[in-house]
Amino acid sequence: MITLRNAIDEITKTVRETSKTQVGGPFGAFVYKTISKDENDEYIEVIATGTNRVTDSHDPTAHAEIVAIRNACKVLNTYDLSDYSIYATGFPCPMCMGAIIWAGIKNAVYSQTLEDADNIGFKDREMYEGVFSRYIDNNNFISVSRIPNAELDDIYNSYKK
């Protein structure tokens, strides 16, 4: 059992390394289960992690969130992740948000915004304007919250260069 903050720090280190190789950009995710919370921390069990593998696997669906979901489903031997949450370094793209919803995950936590992704050349925000805005804005399917991460700001900016 570790804290959510410690798990975020670990995936951030992993993303820093993988983004240097240009394998898949500054994107990482993990599926987790909350064990307990107190006023200072959330204690979790990380079920599975994933980083973006689009370019090295030649698979446009191999986004970090989907890789983490696939890995978690294998570990748990299920397709139903309704008792779990997901953390992603960036706000999930429409495809990943769809996968999160299909997996039954009710809580998604992220660091970088759609604007951050837009600033490094990704067009997720444009897709949201036409596809998912009504579901997320009204929280019909999922609760979405943000934990800013200054280190990921640096990683995103380095990736842009």
Protein backbone atom coordinates (compact mmCIF):
# COMPACT_ATOMS: atom_id res chain seq x y z
CA MET A 1 0.00 0.00 0.00
CA ILE A 2 1.36 3.41 -0.99
CA THR A 3 -0.01 6.92 -1.16
CA LEU A 4 -1.57 8.29 -4.32
CA ARG A 5 1.10 11.00 -4.35
CA ASN A 6 3.90 8.38 -4.23
CA ALA A 7 2.32 6.45 -7.10
CA ILE A 8 2.04 9.67 -9.12
CA ASP A 9 5.72 10.38 -8.44
CA GLU A 10 6.64 6.88 -9.67
CA ILE A 11 4.66 7.12 -12.92
CA THR A 12 6.11 10.60 -13.46
CA LYS A 13 9.66 9.15 -13.25
CA THR A 14 8.70 6.43 -15.73
CA VAL A 15 7.20 8.96 -18.12
CA ARG A 16 10.30 11.14 -17.88
CA GLU A 17 12.42 8.19 -19.05
CA THR A 18 10.10 7.00 -21.82
CA SER A 19 9.54 10.52 -23.18
CA LYS A 20 13.30 10.91 -23.66
CA THR A 21 13.24 8.01 -26.11
CA GLN A 22 10.33 9.48 -28.10
CA VAL A 23 8.60 6.10 -27.77
CA GLY A 24 5.18 7.50 -27.10
CA GLY A 25 5.17 10.95 -25.61
CA PRO A 26 4.79 12.17 -22.06
CA PHE A 27 1.87 9.94 -21.15
CA GLY A 28 1.51 7.43 -18.35
CA ALA A 29 -1.35 5.97 -16.34
CA PHE A 30 -2.16 3.52 -13.59
CA VAL A 31 -5.27 1.75 -12.38
CA TYR A 32 -5.61 1.66 -8.62
CA LYS A 33 -7.87 0.81 -5.74
CA THR A 34 -8.27 3.11 -2.77
CA ILE A 35 -7.59 1.25 0.45
CA SER A 36 -8.12 4.12 2.87
CA LYS A 37 -8.09 7.90 3.13
CA ASP A 38 -7.33 10.35 5.86
CA GLU A 39 -7.15 14.12 5.92
CA ASN A 40 -3.59 14.08 4.50
CA ASP A 41 -3.34 11.13 2.13
CA GLU A 42 -5.12 8.56 0.03
CA TYR A 43 -3.61 5.09 0.43
CA ILE A 44 -3.87 2.92 -2.64
CA GLU A 45 -2.96 -0.37 -4.25
CA VAL A 46 -1.65 0.05 -7.79
CA ILE A 47 -3.12 -2.73 -9.93
CA ALA A 48 -1.39 -1.99 -13.23
CA THR A 49 0.49 0.75 -15.05
CA GLY A 50 0.84 1.78 -18.66
CA THR A 51 2.77 4.21 -20.80
CA ASN A 52 1.99 5.36 -24.29
CA ARG A 53 3.18 2.70 -26.77
CA VAL A 54 1.67 4.09 -30.00
CA THR A 55 4.84 4.64 -31.99
CA ASP A 56 6.82 1.56 -30.99
CA SER A 57 3.85 -0.83 -31.28
CA HIS A 58 2.44 0.81 -34.42
CA ASP A 59 -0.93 0.79 -32.66
CA PRO A 60 -2.89 4.06 -32.52
CA THR A 61 -4.97 2.69 -29.63
CA ALA A 62 -1.97 1.97 -27.38
CA HIS A 63 -2.45 5.10 -25.27
CA ALA A 64 -1.24 4.95 -21.66
CA GLU A 65 -4.74 4.72 -20.19
CA ILE A 66 -5.74 1.89 -22.50
CA VAL A 67 -2.48 0.01 -21.85
CA ALA A 68 -3.07 0.40 -18.08
CA ILE A 69 -6.69 -0.77 -18.43
CA ARG A 70 -5.64 -3.78 -20.53
CA ASN A 71 -2.95 -4.67 -18.00
CA ALA A 72 -5.34 -4.28 -15.04
CA CYS A 73 -7.96 -6.48 -16.70
CA LYS A 74 -5.33 -9.19 -17.23
CA VAL A 75 -4.11 -8.96 -13.64
CA LEU A 76 -7.64 -9.07 -12.23
CA ASN A 77 -9.00 -11.48 -14.85
CA THR A 78 -12.02 -9.26 -15.52
CA TYR A 79 -13.27 -6.54 -17.82
CA ASP A 80 -15.15 -4.78 -15.01
CA LEU A 81 -13.03 -2.18 -13.23
CA SER A 82 -15.93 -0.49 -11.46
CA ASP A 83 -14.23 -0.84 -8.06
CA TYR A 84 -11.10 0.92 -9.31
CA SER A 85 -9.86 4.38 -10.25
CA ILE A 86 -7.40 5.58 -12.87
CA TYR A 87 -4.71 8.23 -12.80
CA ALA A 88 -3.38 9.66 -16.07
CA THR A 89 -0.60 12.17 -16.57
CA GLY A 90 -2.82 14.05 -19.02
CA PHE A 91 -6.56 14.52 -19.28
CA PRO A 92 -7.70 11.38 -21.11
CA CYS A 93 -8.38 11.79 -24.83
CA PRO A 94 -11.88 10.90 -26.09
CA MET A 95 -10.82 7.36 -27.00
CA CYS A 96 -9.33 6.77 -23.56
CA MET A 97 -12.27 8.38 -21.80
CA GLY A 98 -14.51 5.99 -23.72
CA ALA A 99 -12.38 3.03 -22.60
CA ILE A 100 -12.45 4.29 -19.01
CA ILE A 101 -16.23 4.53 -19.13
CA TRP A 102 -16.58 1.10 -20.80
CA ALA A 103 -14.36 -0.43 -18.10
CA GLY A 104 -16.75 0.91 -15.46
CA ILE A 105 -14.18 3.16 -13.81
CA LYS A 106 -16.01 5.93 -11.97
CA ASN A 107 -13.06 8.09 -10.89
CA ALA A 108 -10.36 9.51 -13.14
CA VAL A 109 -7.57 11.72 -11.82
CA TYR A 110 -5.20 13.59 -14.11
CA SER A 111 -2.44 16.19 -14.04
CA GLN A 112 -2.00 17.97 -17.35
CA THR A 113 -4.93 19.72 -19.05
CA LEU A 114 -6.32 19.58 -22.55
CA GLU A 115 -4.65 22.95 -23.13
CA ASP A 116 -1.30 21.45 -22.12
CA ALA A 117 -1.78 18.70 -24.71
CA ASP A 118 -2.85 21.28 -27.28
CA ASN A 119 0.34 23.25 -26.61
CA ILE A 120 2.50 20.25 -27.58
CA GLY A 121 0.60 19.41 -30.75
CA PHE A 122 -2.23 17.09 -29.69
CA LYS A 123 -5.83 17.93 -30.65
CA ASP A 124 -7.79 16.32 -27.83
CA ARG A 125 -9.61 19.54 -26.96
CA GLU A 126 -11.02 19.84 -30.48
CA MET A 127 -12.34 16.29 -30.24
CA TYR A 128 -14.00 16.98 -26.90
CA GLU A 129 -15.87 19.98 -28.22
CA GLY A 130 -17.79 17.70 -30.56
CA VAL A 131 -17.84 14.37 -28.76
CA PHE A 132 -17.69 14.17 -24.98
CA SER A 133 -18.40 17.59 -23.54
CA ARG A 134 -22.01 16.86 -22.65
CA TYR A 135 -21.08 13.70 -20.71
CA ILE A 136 -18.19 15.18 -18.75
CA ASP A 137 -19.67 18.61 -18.10
CA ASN A 138 -22.75 17.02 -16.57
CA ASN A 139 -20.83 14.22 -14.85
CA ASN A 140 -23.31 11.69 -16.23
CA PHE A 141 -20.78 8.85 -16.32
CA ILE A 142 -17.65 9.79 -14.43
CA SER A 143 -16.16 12.16 -11.89
CA VAL A 144 -13.03 13.90 -13.19
CA SER A 145 -10.58 15.85 -11.06
CA ARG A 146 -7.11 17.35 -11.45
CA ILE A 147 -3.87 17.12 -9.46
CA PRO A 148 -1.37 19.55 -11.06
CA ASN A 149 2.21 18.29 -11.44
CA ALA A 150 5.01 20.80 -12.07
CA GLU A 151 7.45 18.04 -13.05
CA LEU A 152 5.07 16.95 -15.81
CA ASP A 153 4.98 20.58 -17.00
CA ASP A 154 8.72 20.24 -17.61
CA ILE A 155 8.33 16.84 -19.28
CA TYR A 156 5.59 18.16 -21.59
CA ASN A 157 7.68 21.19 -22.49
CA SER A 158 10.76 19.03 -23.17
CA TYR A 159 8.68 16.78 -25.41
CA LYS A 160 7.50 19.79 -27.41
CA LYS A 161 11.12 20.75 -28.16
